[in-house]
PDB file of N, CA and C in Angstrom:
ATOM      1  N   ALA A   1     -32.390  53.676 -11.324  1.00  0.00           N
ATOM      2  CA  ALA A   1     -32.046  53.397  -9.702  1.00  0.00           C
ATOM      3  C   ALA A   1     -33.066  52.688  -8.644  1.00  0.00           C
ATOM      4  N   GLU A   2     -33.370  51.471  -9.789  1.00  0.00           N
ATOM      5  CA  GLU A   2     -34.539  50.799  -9.289  1.00  0.00           C
ATOM      6  C   GLU A   2     -33.342  49.185  -9.125  1.00  0.00           C
ATOM      7  N   ARG A   3     -32.051  49.879 -10.334  1.00  0.00           N
ATOM      8  CA  ARG A   3     -31.308  48.613 -10.299  1.00  0.00           C
ATOM      9  C   ARG A   3     -29.948  48.920  -9.749  1.00  0.00           C
ATOM     10  N   LEU A   4     -30.268  50.246  -9.414  1.00  0.00           N
ATOM     11  CA  LEU A   4     -28.609  50.687  -7.410  1.00  0.00           C
ATOM     12  C   LEU A   4     -29.099  49.135  -6.622  1.00  0.00           C
ATOM     13  N   GLN A   5     -30.656  49.818  -5.449  1.00  0.00           N
ATOM     14  CA  GLN A   5     -31.153  48.657  -5.134  1.00  0.00           C
ATOM     15  C   GLN A   5     -31.003  47.555  -5.138  1.00  0.00           C
ATOM     16  N   LYS A   6     -30.989  46.809  -6.372  1.00  0.00           N
ATOM     17  CA  LYS A   6     -30.335  45.445  -6.954  1.00  0.00           C
ATOM     18  C   LYS A   6     -28.915  45.317  -6.071  1.00  0.00           C
ATOM     19  N   ILE A   7     -28.551  45.673  -6.447  1.00  0.00           N
ATOM     20  CA  ILE A   7     -26.636  45.944  -6.159  1.00  0.00           C
ATOM     21  C   ILE A   7     -26.512  45.068  -4.962  1.00  0.00           C
ATOM     22  N   PRO A   8     -27.118  45.495  -3.814  1.00  0.00           N
ATOM     23  CA  PRO A   8     -26.299  44.749  -2.349  1.00  0.00           C
ATOM     24  C   PRO A   8     -26.294  43.637  -2.333  1.00  0.00           C
ATOM     25  N   LYS A   9     -27.969  43.355  -2.403  1.00  0.00           N
ATOM     26  CA  LYS A   9     -28.333  42.147  -2.912  1.00  0.00           C
ATOM     27  C   LYS A   9     -27.130  40.687  -4.085  1.00  0.00           C
ATOM     28  N   LEU A  10     -27.548  42.014  -5.038  1.00  0.00           N
ATOM     29  CA  LEU A  10     -26.597  40.968  -5.720  1.00  0.00           C
ATOM     30  C   LEU A  10     -24.940  40.862  -4.983  1.00  0.00           C
ATOM     31  N   ILE A  11     -24.107  41.571  -4.745  1.00  0.00           N
ATOM     32  CA  ILE A  11     -23.439  41.355  -3.874  1.00  0.00           C
ATOM     33  C   ILE A  11     -22.922  39.584  -3.092  1.00  0.00           C
ATOM     34  N   GLY A  12     -24.419  39.768  -2.644  1.00  0.00           N
ATOM     35  CA  GLY A  12     -23.902  39.259  -0.962  1.00  0.00           C
ATOM     36  C   GLY A  12     -24.856  37.768  -1.528  1.00  0.00           C
ATOM     37  N   SER A  13     -24.860  37.794  -3.271  1.00  0.00           N
ATOM     38  CA  SER A  13     -25.189  36.524  -3.892  1.00  0.00           C
ATOM     39  C   SER A  13     -24.004  36.027  -4.189  1.00  0.00           C
ATOM     40  N   ILE A  14     -23.011  36.959  -5.192  1.00  0.00           N
ATOM     41  CA  ILE A  14     -21.669  36.499  -5.150  1.00  0.00           C
ATOM     42  C   ILE A  14     -20.527  36.053  -4.120  1.00  0.00           C
ATOM     43  N   LYS A  15     -20.981  36.698  -3.047  1.00  0.00           N
ATOM     44  CA  LYS A  15     -20.459  36.659  -1.292  1.00  0.00           C
ATOM     45  C   LYS A  15     -20.538  35.145  -1.501  1.00  0.00           C
ATOM     46  N   GLU A  16     -22.601  34.880  -1.121  1.00  0.00           N
ATOM     47  CA  GLU A  16     -23.333  33.055  -1.410  1.00  0.00           C
ATOM     48  C   GLU A  16     -21.816  32.381  -1.840  1.00  0.00           C
ATOM     49  N   LEU A  17     -21.715  32.476  -3.583  1.00  0.00           N
ATOM     50  CA  LEU A  17     -21.213  31.872  -4.140  1.00  0.00           C
ATOM     51  C   LEU A  17     -19.580  31.658  -4.195  1.00  0.00           C
ATOM     52  N   ILE A  18     -19.145  32.339  -3.528  1.00  0.00           N
ATOM     53  CA  ILE A  18     -17.209  32.133  -3.557  1.00  0.00           C
ATOM     54  C   ILE A  18     -17.277  31.972  -1.982  1.00  0.00           C
ATOM     55  N   ILE A  19     -17.994  31.962  -0.897  1.00  0.00           N
ATOM     56  CA  ILE A  19     -17.937  31.325  -0.381  1.00  0.00           C
ATOM     57  C   ILE A  19     -18.405  29.617  -0.351  1.00  0.00           C
ATOM     58  N   GLU A  20     -18.731  28.586  -0.805  1.00  0.00           N
ATOM     59  CA  GLU A  20     -19.849  28.344  -1.173  1.00  0.00           C
ATOM     60  C   GLU A  20     -18.623  27.328  -2.500  1.00  0.00           C
ATOM     61  N   MET A  21     -18.115  27.755  -3.198  1.00  0.00           N
ATOM     62  CA  MET A  21     -16.560  27.658  -3.936  1.00  0.00           C
ATOM     63  C   MET A  21     -15.261  27.646  -3.255  1.00  0.00           C
ATOM     64  N   VAL A  22     -15.135  28.841  -1.937  1.00  0.00           N
ATOM     65  CA  VAL A  22     -14.098  28.232  -1.035  1.00  0.00           C
ATOM     66  C   VAL A  22     -14.242  26.574  -0.703  1.00  0.00           C
ATOM     67  N   LYS A  23     -15.314  26.822  -0.046  1.00  0.00           N
ATOM     68  CA  LYS A  23     -15.949  24.717   0.724  1.00  0.00           C
ATOM     69  C   LYS A  23     -15.481  23.901  -0.059  1.00  0.00           C
ATOM     70  N   GLU A  24     -15.822  23.891  -1.032  1.00  0.00           N
ATOM     71  CA  GLU A  24     -15.449  23.264  -2.574  1.00  0.00           C
ATOM     72  C   GLU A  24     -14.294  22.768  -2.799  1.00  0.00           C
ATOM     73  N   VAL A  25     -13.304  24.301  -2.854  1.00  0.00           N
ATOM     74  CA  VAL A  25     -11.804  24.264  -2.894  1.00  0.00           C
ATOM     75  C   VAL A  25     -11.424  22.679  -1.775  1.00  0.00           C
ATOM     76  N   LYS A  26     -11.888  23.537  -1.145  1.00  0.00           N
ATOM     77  CA  LYS A  26     -11.252  22.666   0.557  1.00  0.00           C
ATOM     78  C   LYS A  26     -11.490  20.834   0.473  1.00  0.00           C
ATOM     79  N   ASP A  27     -12.537  20.535   0.237  1.00  0.00           N
ATOM     80  CA  ASP A  27     -12.847  19.211  -0.162  1.00  0.00           C
ATOM     81  C   ASP A  27     -12.155  18.876  -0.805  1.00  0.00           C
ATOM     82  N   PHE A  28     -12.577  19.728  -2.072  1.00  0.00           N
ATOM     83  CA  PHE A  28     -11.738  18.725  -2.638  1.00  0.00           C
ATOM     84  C   PHE A  28      -9.525  18.626  -2.186  1.00  0.00           C
ATOM     85  N   ALA A  29      -8.974  19.160  -2.215  1.00  0.00           N
ATOM     86  CA  ALA A  29      -7.451  19.373  -0.792  1.00  0.00           C
ATOM     87  C   ALA A  29      -7.619  18.152   0.079  1.00  0.00           C
ATOM     88  N   ASP A  30      -8.839  18.430   0.695  1.00  0.00           N
ATOM     89  CA  ASP A  30      -8.935  17.250   2.126  1.00  0.00           C
ATOM     90  C   ASP A  30      -8.915  15.827   1.431  1.00  0.00           C
ATOM     91  N   THR A  31      -9.313  15.631  -0.216  1.00  0.00           N
ATOM     92  CA  THR A  31      -9.103  14.752  -0.492  1.00  0.00           C
ATOM     93  C   THR A  31      -8.739  14.591  -1.474  1.00  0.00           C
ATOM     94  N   ALA A  32      -8.137  14.882  -1.820  1.00  0.00           N
ATOM     95  CA  ALA A  32      -6.703  14.771  -2.571  1.00  0.00           C
ATOM     96  C   ALA A  32      -5.650  14.426  -2.047  1.00  0.00           C
ATOM     97  N   SER A  33      -5.915  14.492   0.074  1.00  0.00           N
ATOM     98  CA  SER A  33      -4.517  14.474   0.827  1.00  0.00           C
ATOM     99  C   SER A  33      -4.352  13.768   1.321  1.00  0.00           C
ATOM    100  N   GLU A  34      -5.686  12.876   1.022  1.00  0.00           N
ATOM    101  CA  GLU A  34      -6.243  11.274   2.109  1.00  0.00           C
ATOM    102  C   GLU A  34      -5.548  10.334   1.174  1.00  0.00           C
ATOM    103  N   PHE A  35      -6.210  11.163  -0.568  1.00  0.00           N
ATOM    104  CA  PHE A  35      -5.612  10.011  -1.732  1.00  0.00           C
ATOM    105  C   PHE A  35      -3.975   9.805  -1.975  1.00  0.00           C
ATOM    106  N   GLU A  36      -3.456  11.112  -1.254  1.00  0.00           N
ATOM    107  CA  GLU A  36      -1.731  10.890  -1.803  1.00  0.00           C
ATOM    108  C   GLU A  36      -1.159  10.207  -0.867  1.00  0.00           C
ATOM    109  N   ASN A  37      -2.193  10.709   0.513  1.00  0.00           N
ATOM    110  CA  ASN A  37      -1.871   9.510   1.468  1.00  0.00           C
ATOM    111  C   ASN A  37      -1.455   8.507   1.530  1.00  0.00           C
ATOM    112  N   ILE A  38      -2.504   7.870   0.765  1.00  0.00           N
ATOM    113  CA  ILE A  38      -3.082   6.319   0.276  1.00  0.00           C
ATOM    114  C   ILE A  38      -1.973   6.046  -0.562  1.00  0.00           C
ATOM    115  N   ILE A  39      -1.808   6.793  -2.386  1.00  0.00           N
ATOM    116  CA  ILE A  39      -0.474   6.724  -2.464  1.00  0.00           C
ATOM    117  C   ILE A  39       0.345   6.033  -1.904  1.00  0.00           C
ATOM    118  N   GLN A  40       1.441   7.317  -1.162  1.00  0.00           N
ATOM    119  CA  GLN A  40       2.553   7.140  -0.085  1.00  0.00           C
ATOM    120  C   GLN A  40       2.594   6.235   1.119  1.00  0.00           C
ATOM    121  N   CYS A  41       1.122   4.990   1.199  1.00  0.00           N
ATOM    122  CA  CYS A  41       1.365   3.795   1.854  1.00  0.00           C
ATOM    123  C   CYS A  41       1.337   2.598   1.392  1.00  0.00           C
ATOM    124  N   TYR A  42       0.774   2.454  -0.285  1.00  0.00           N
ATOM    125  CA  TYR A  42       0.608   2.024  -0.997  1.00  0.00           C
ATOM    126  C   TYR A  42       2.493   1.615  -1.656  1.00  0.00           C
ATOM    127  N   ILE A  43       3.228   2.754  -2.064  1.00  0.00           N
ATOM    128  CA  ILE A  43       4.535   2.782  -2.631  1.00  0.00           C
ATOM    129  C   ILE A  43       5.601   2.124  -1.811  1.00  0.00           C
ATOM    130  N   THR A  44       4.875   2.343   0.317  1.00  0.00           N
ATOM    131  CA  THR A  44       5.989   1.666   1.184  1.00  0.00           C
ATOM    132  C   THR A  44       5.733   0.280   1.200  1.00  0.00           C
ATOM    133  N   LEU A  45       4.981   0.227   0.590  1.00  0.00           N
ATOM    134  CA  LEU A  45       4.736  -0.889   1.310  1.00  0.00           C
ATOM    135  C   LEU A  45       5.406  -2.377  -0.082  1.00  0.00           C
ATOM    136  N   VAL A  46       4.708  -1.750  -1.537  1.00  0.00           N
ATOM    137  CA  VAL A  46       5.714  -2.380  -2.339  1.00  0.00           C
ATOM    138  C   VAL A  46       7.187  -2.224  -2.123  1.00  0.00           C
ATOM    139  N   LEU A  47       7.930  -1.096  -1.709  1.00  0.00           N
ATOM    140  CA  LEU A  47       9.358  -1.488  -1.943  1.00  0.00           C
ATOM    141  C   LEU A  47      10.049  -1.854  -0.368  1.00  0.00           C
ATOM    142  N   SER A  48       9.349  -2.409   0.859  1.00  0.00           N
ATOM    143  CA  SER A  48       9.309  -3.065   2.205  1.00  0.00           C
ATOM    144  C   SER A  48       8.578  -4.086   1.529  1.00  0.00           C
ATOM    145  N   THR A  49       7.998  -5.159   0.211  1.00  0.00           N
ATOM    146  CA  THR A  49       8.144  -5.506  -0.082  1.00  0.00           C
ATOM    147  C   THR A  49       9.123  -6.447  -1.150  1.00  0.00           C
ATOM    148  N   LYS A  50       8.753  -5.614  -1.326  1.00  0.00           N
ATOM    149  CA  LYS A  50      10.534  -6.112  -2.868  1.00  0.00           C
ATOM    150  C   LYS A  50      11.849  -5.994  -2.009  1.00  0.00           C
ATOM    151  N   HIS A  51      12.307  -5.017  -1.066  1.00  0.00           N
ATOM    152  CA  HIS A  51      13.262  -5.271  -0.323  1.00  0.00           C
ATOM    153  C   HIS A  51      13.227  -6.515   0.663  1.00  0.00           C
ATOM    154  N   ASN A  52      12.423  -6.919   1.322  1.00  0.00           N
ATOM    155  CA  ASN A  52      12.335  -8.597   1.581  1.00  0.00           C
ATOM    156  C   ASN A  52      12.408  -9.324   1.180  1.00  0.00           C
ATOM    157  N   MET A  53      11.507  -9.032   0.009  1.00  0.00           N
ATOM    158  CA  MET A  53      12.154 -10.800  -1.103  1.00  0.00           C
ATOM    159  C   MET A  53      13.788 -10.939  -1.534  1.00  0.00           C
ATOM    160  N   LYS A  54      13.718  -9.603  -1.839  1.00  0.00           N
ATOM    161  CA  LYS A  54      15.640  -8.784  -1.856  1.00  0.00           C
ATOM    162  C   LYS A  54      16.766 -10.308  -0.608  1.00  0.00           C
ATOM    163  N   MET A  55      16.242 -10.058   0.362  1.00  0.00           N
ATOM    164  CA  MET A  55      16.199 -10.604   1.248  1.00  0.00           C
ATOM    165  C   MET A  55      16.813 -11.512   1.725  1.00  0.00           C
ATOM    166  N   MET A  56      15.274 -12.296   1.168  1.00  0.00           N
ATOM    167  CA  MET A  56      14.837 -13.857   1.366  1.00  0.00           C
ATOM    168  C   MET A  56      15.869 -14.913   0.104  1.00  0.00           C
ATOM    169  N   GLU A  57      15.692 -14.119  -1.527  1.00  0.00           N
ATOM    170  CA  GLU A  57      16.369 -14.392  -2.058  1.00  0.00           C
ATOM    171  C   GLU A  57      17.527 -15.276  -2.199  1.00  0.00           C
ATOM    172  N   PRO A  58      18.454 -15.089  -1.778  1.00  0.00           N
ATOM    173  CA  PRO A  58      19.424 -15.988  -1.400  1.00  0.00           C
ATOM    174  C   PRO A  58      19.443 -17.454  -0.547  1.00  0.00           C
ATOM    175  N   HIS A  59      18.121 -17.142  -0.343  1.00  0.00           N
ATOM    176  CA  HIS A  59      17.198 -18.677   1.339  1.00  0.00           C
ATOM    177  C   HIS A  59      17.132 -19.184   0.199  1.00  0.00           C
ATOM    178  N   LEU A  60      16.171 -18.667  -0.553  1.00  0.00           N
ATOM    179  CA  LEU A  60      14.894 -19.690  -1.480  1.00  0.00           C
ATOM    180  C   LEU A  60      15.850 -20.188  -2.385  1.00  0.00           C
ATOM    181  N   ASP A  61      17.151 -19.623  -2.816  1.00  0.00           N
ATOM    182  CA  ASP A  61      18.008 -20.178  -3.772  1.00  0.00           C
ATOM    183  C   ASP A  61      18.720 -22.115  -2.954  1.00  0.00           C
ATOM    184  N   GLN A  62      18.891 -21.417  -1.867  1.00  0.00           N
ATOM    185  CA  GLN A  62      19.981 -21.830  -1.141  1.00  0.00           C
ATOM    186  C   GLN A  62      18.484 -23.499  -1.061  1.00  0.00           C
ATOM    187  N   ALA A  63      17.780 -23.417  -0.408  1.00  0.00           N
ATOM    188  CA  ALA A  63      16.776 -24.761  -0.255  1.00  0.00           C
ATOM    189  C   ALA A  63      16.228 -25.076  -2.017  1.00  0.00           C
ATOM    190  N   LYS A  64      16.386 -24.390  -2.399  1.00  0.00           N
ATOM    191  CA  LYS A  64      15.253 -24.888  -3.471  1.00  0.00           C
ATOM    192  C   LYS A  64      16.067 -26.272  -4.004  1.00  0.00           C
ATOM    193  N   THR A  65      17.379 -26.099  -4.010  1.00  0.00           N
ATOM    194  CA  THR A  65      18.721 -27.192  -4.598  1.00  0.00           C
ATOM    195  C   THR A  65      18.044 -28.769  -3.417  1.00  0.00           C
ATOM    196  N   HIS A  66      16.860 -28.006  -2.820  1.00  0.00           N
ATOM    197  CA  HIS A  66      17.621 -29.904  -1.809  1.00  0.00           C
ATOM    198  C   HIS A  66      16.040 -30.018  -1.829  1.00  0.00           C
ATOM    199  N   MET A  67      15.481 -29.709  -2.942  1.00  0.00           N
ATOM    200  CA  MET A  67      13.822 -29.985  -3.012  1.00  0.00           C
ATOM    201  C   MET A  67      13.331 -30.195  -4.217  1.00  0.00           C
ATOM    202  N   GLU A  68      12.438 -31.659  -4.724  1.00  0.00           N
ATOM    203  CA  GLU A  68      11.950 -31.358  -5.541  1.00  0.00           C
ATOM    204  C   GLU A  68      10.749 -31.102  -6.330  1.00  0.00           C
ATOM    205  N   PRO A  69      11.410 -30.801  -7.624  1.00  0.00           N
ATOM    206  CA  PRO A  69      10.225 -29.405  -8.166  1.00  0.00           C
ATOM    207  C   PRO A  69       8.545 -29.525  -8.409  1.00  0.00           C
ATOM    208  N   ASN A  70       8.122 -30.485  -7.954  1.00  0.00           N
ATOM    209  CA  ASN A  70       6.552 -29.641  -6.975  1.00  0.00           C
ATOM    210  C   ASN A  70       6.716 -28.605  -6.507  1.00  0.00           C
ATOM    211  N   GLN A  71       7.632 -29.953  -5.135  1.00  0.00           N
ATOM    212  CA  GLN A  71       7.732 -28.545  -3.742  1.00  0.00           C
ATOM    213  C   GLN A  71       8.233 -27.086  -3.744  1.00  0.00           C
ATOM    214  N   VAL A  72       9.449 -27.417  -4.689  1.00  0.00           N
ATOM    215  CA  VAL A  72       9.786 -25.953  -4.748  1.00  0.00           C
ATOM    216  C   VAL A  72       8.251 -25.075  -5.286  1.00  0.00           C
ATOM    217  N   ASN A  73       7.907 -25.353  -7.015  1.00  0.00           N
ATOM    218  CA  ASN A  73       6.922 -24.623  -6.931  1.00  0.00           C
ATOM    219  C   ASN A  73       6.176 -24.332  -5.806  1.00  0.00           C
ATOM    220  N   ARG A  74       5.565 -25.418  -4.870  1.00  0.00           N
ATOM    221  CA  ARG A  74       3.984 -24.796  -4.174  1.00  0.00           C
ATOM    222  C   ARG A  74       4.649 -23.771  -3.367  1.00  0.00           C
ATOM    223  N   LEU A  75       6.887 -23.691  -2.742  1.00  0.00           N
ATOM    224  CA  LEU A  75       7.149 -23.592  -1.950  1.00  0.00           C
ATOM    225  C   LEU A  75       6.699 -22.207  -2.542  1.00  0.00           C
ATOM    226  N   GLY A  76       6.871 -21.711  -3.951  1.00  0.00           N
ATOM    227  CA  GLY A  76       7.512 -19.926  -3.993  1.00  0.00           C
ATOM    228  C   GLY A  76       5.902 -20.002  -4.528  1.00  0.00           C
ATOM    229  N   LEU A  77       5.035 -20.725  -4.665  1.00  0.00           N
ATOM    230  CA  LEU A  77       3.074 -19.895  -4.934  1.00  0.00           C
ATOM    231  C   LEU A  77       3.285 -19.573  -3.362  1.00  0.00           C
ATOM    232  N   GLY A  78       3.522 -20.440  -1.767  1.00  0.00           N
ATOM    233  CA  GLY A  78       3.705 -20.026  -0.574  1.00  0.00           C
ATOM    234  C   GLY A  78       4.350 -18.677  -0.547  1.00  0.00           C
ATOM    235  N   ILE A  79       5.311 -18.336  -1.074  1.00  0.00           N
ATOM    236  CA  ILE A  79       5.751 -17.658  -0.099  1.00  0.00           C
ATOM    237  C   ILE A  79       5.474 -15.535  -0.661  1.00  0.00           C
ATOM    238  N   PHE A  80       4.877 -16.802  -2.335  1.00  0.00           N
ATOM    239  CA  PHE A  80       5.293 -14.859  -2.817  1.00  0.00           C
ATOM    240  C   PHE A  80       3.641 -14.311  -2.023  1.00  0.00           C
ATOM    241  N   ALA A  81       2.641 -15.238  -1.972  1.00  0.00           N
ATOM    242  CA  ALA A  81       1.611 -15.237  -1.416  1.00  0.00           C
ATOM    243  C   ALA A  81       0.750 -14.331  -0.017  1.00  0.00           C
ATOM    244  N   GLY A  82       2.589 -14.472   0.907  1.00  0.00           N
ATOM    245  CA  GLY A  82       2.389 -14.697   2.445  1.00  0.00           C
ATOM    246  C   GLY A  82       3.535 -12.812   1.993  1.00  0.00           C
ATOM    247  N   TYR A  83       3.595 -13.347   1.200  1.00  0.00           N
ATOM    248  CA  TYR A  83       4.834 -11.674   0.701  1.00  0.00           C
ATOM    249  C   TYR A  83       3.611 -10.298  -0.012  1.00  0.00           C
ATOM    250  N   LEU A  84       2.498 -11.006  -0.873  1.00  0.00           N
ATOM    251  CA  LEU A  84       1.360  -9.990  -0.873  1.00  0.00           C
ATOM    252  C   LEU A  84       0.963  -9.514   0.002  1.00  0.00           C
ATOM    253  N   VAL A  85       0.255 -10.352   1.478  1.00  0.00           N
ATOM    254  CA  VAL A  85      -0.700 -10.359   2.266  1.00  0.00           C
ATOM    255  C   VAL A  85       0.988  -9.869   3.136  1.00  0.00           C
ATOM    256  N   GLY A  86       1.521  -9.104   3.030  1.00  0.00           N
ATOM    257  CA  GLY A  86       2.740  -8.232   3.671  1.00  0.00           C
ATOM    258  C   GLY A  86       2.771  -8.867   5.211  1.00  0.00           C
ATOM    259  N   ASN A  87       3.203 -11.072   5.273  1.00  0.00           N
ATOM    260  CA  ASN A  87       2.994 -10.984   6.350  1.00  0.00           C
ATOM    261  C   ASN A  87       4.598 -12.937   6.115  1.00  0.00           C
ATOM    262  N   ALA A  88       5.862 -11.822   5.981  1.00  0.00           N
ATOM    263  CA  ALA A  88       6.598 -12.663   6.395  1.00  0.00           C
ATOM    264  C   ALA A  88       6.402 -14.094   7.136  1.00  0.00           C
ATOM    265  N   VAL A  89       6.703 -13.716   7.969  1.00  0.00           N
ATOM    266  CA  VAL A  89       6.120 -15.540   8.719  1.00  0.00           C
ATOM    267  C   VAL A  89       5.365 -15.908   7.902  1.00  0.00           C
ATOM    268  N   VAL A  90       4.568 -15.883   7.760  1.00  0.00           N
ATOM    269  CA  VAL A  90       3.836 -16.571   6.652  1.00  0.00           C
ATOM    270  C   VAL A  90       4.092 -17.154   5.573  1.00  0.00           C
ATOM    271  N   ALA A  91       5.709 -16.435   5.042  1.00  0.00           N
ATOM    272  CA  ALA A  91       6.213 -17.517   3.881  1.00  0.00           C
ATOM    273  C   ALA A  91       7.465 -17.953   5.163  1.00  0.00           C
ATOM    274  N   ALA A  92       7.941 -17.564   5.778  1.00  0.00           N
ATOM    275  CA  ALA A  92       9.416 -17.987   6.662  1.00  0.00           C
ATOM    276  C   ALA A  92       8.345 -19.406   7.098  1.00  0.00           C
ATOM    277  N   GLU A  93       6.833 -20.378   7.793  1.00  0.00           N
ATOM    278  CA  GLU A  93       6.138 -20.622   8.705  1.00  0.00           C
ATOM    279  C   GLU A  93       6.081 -21.984   7.138  1.00  0.00           C
ATOM    280  N   MET A  94       6.464 -21.166   5.709  1.00  0.00           N
ATOM    281  CA  MET A  94       5.675 -22.423   4.425  1.00  0.00           C
ATOM    282  C   MET A  94       7.237 -23.306   3.944  1.00  0.00           C
ATOM    283  N   LEU A  95       7.807 -22.144   4.124  1.00  0.00           N
ATOM    284  CA  LEU A  95       9.739 -22.792   3.831  1.00  0.00           C
ATOM    285  C   LEU A  95       9.721 -23.795   5.041  1.00  0.00           C
ATOM    286  N   ARG A  96       8.908 -24.153   6.339  1.00  0.00           N
ATOM    287  CA  ARG A  96      10.048 -24.402   7.383  1.00  0.00           C
ATOM    288  C   ARG A  96       9.222 -26.163   6.884  1.00  0.00           C
ATOM    289  N   ARG A  97       7.628 -25.455   6.992  1.00  0.00           N
ATOM    290  CA  ARG A  97       6.678 -27.011   6.547  1.00  0.00           C
ATOM    291  C   ARG A  97       7.573 -27.351   5.413  1.00  0.00           C
ATOM    292  N   GLU A  98       7.632 -27.364   4.263  1.00  0.00           N
ATOM    293  CA  GLU A  98       8.148 -27.857   2.927  1.00  0.00           C
ATOM    294  C   GLU A  98       9.510 -28.273   3.444  1.00  0.00           C
ATOM    295  N   MET A  99      10.506 -27.097   4.202  1.00  0.00           N
ATOM    296  CA  MET A  99      11.869 -27.772   4.792  1.00  0.00           C
ATOM    297  C   MET A  99      12.077 -28.829   5.495  1.00  0.00           C
ATOM    298  N   ALA A 100      11.077 -28.434   6.248  1.00  0.00           N
ATOM    299  CA  ALA A 100      11.268 -28.918   7.585  1.00  0.00           C
ATOM    300  C   ALA A 100      12.939 -28.325   8.673  1.00  0.00           C
ATOM    301  N   VAL A 101      13.399 -27.471   8.246  1.00  0.00           N
ATOM    302  CA  VAL A 101      14.213 -26.591   8.559  1.00  0.00           C
ATOM    303  C   VAL A 101      13.844 -26.379   9.575  1.00  0.00           C
ATOM    304  N   ASP A 102      14.809 -25.033  10.685  1.00  0.00           N
ATOM    305  CA  ASP A 102      14.932 -24.408  11.515  1.00  0.00           C
ATOM    306  C   ASP A 102      14.369 -22.518  10.848  1.00  0.00           C
ATOM    307  N   THR A 103      13.274 -22.384  10.351  1.00  0.00           N
ATOM    308  CA  THR A 103      14.128 -21.354   9.206  1.00  0.00           C
ATOM    309  C   THR A 103      14.012 -19.473  10.354  1.00  0.00           C
ATOM    310  N   ARG A 104      14.971 -19.559  11.493  1.00  0.00           N
ATOM    311  CA  ARG A 104      15.502 -18.332  12.682  1.00  0.00           C
ATOM    312  C   ARG A 104      14.934 -17.198  12.171  1.00  0.00           C
ATOM    313  N   LEU A 105      16.536 -18.090  10.856  1.00  0.00           N
ATOM    314  CA  LEU A 105      16.989 -16.831   9.759  1.00  0.00           C
ATOM    315  C   LEU A 105      16.401 -16.136   8.859  1.00  0.00           C
ATOM    316  N   PHE A 106      15.361 -16.948   8.671  1.00  0.00           N
ATOM    317  CA  PHE A 106      14.219 -16.455   7.264  1.00  0.00           C
ATOM    318  C   PHE A 106      13.466 -15.180   8.185  1.00  0.00           C
ATOM    319  N   TYR A 107      13.129 -15.595   9.607  1.00  0.00           N
ATOM    320  CA  TYR A 107      12.325 -14.169   9.676  1.00  0.00           C
ATOM    321  C   TYR A 107      12.433 -12.839   9.166  1.00  0.00           C
ATOM    322  N   ILE A 108      11.811 -11.801   8.574  1.00  0.00           N
ATOM    323  CA  ILE A 108      12.104  -9.892   8.077  1.00  0.00           C
ATOM    324  C   ILE A 108      11.599  -9.483   8.712  1.00  0.00           C
ATOM    325  N   LYS A 109      12.141  -9.140   9.795  1.00  0.00           N
ATOM    326  CA  LYS A 109      11.117  -7.578  10.004  1.00  0.00           C
ATOM    327  C   LYS A 109      10.516  -7.000   8.954  1.00  0.00           C
ATOM    328  N   THR A 110       9.176  -6.644   8.854  1.00  0.00           N
ATOM    329  CA  THR A 110       7.998  -5.951   8.159  1.00  0.00           C
ATOM    330  C   THR A 110       7.432  -4.737   8.505  1.00  0.00           C
TER     331      THR A 110
END
C-alpha cells in the first residue's frame, strides 16, 4: 500500500525528467542548426572566392608579363589578401596602383 502511494510522485518525477530531456534535445537541435548555417555560409564564401580568383587569373597573368619580379610578388600578395577578406575592390585597387592602368574590367561582383 505504501508503494502504491509513491507511484503518482514517481510518475510526476519521470514526467519532469522527460520534459527536461525534450528541452535539452531542442536546444541541441537549435545549436546544430545554427552551426550548419555557419558551415554553409563558409562553403559559399570559399566557392565564391574560388570563382572570383578564376575570373581574375587571366588578367593577372597578362599584367604579370609587364612587371618586375618584386612587383609581381607584392601584387600577388595584395590581391590574395583582398580576396581573403572577400573584397574584390581591394584586389583591383592593388592592381591599379601597381600597374597604373584602368582596372574597371577587374572589378568582380562578390
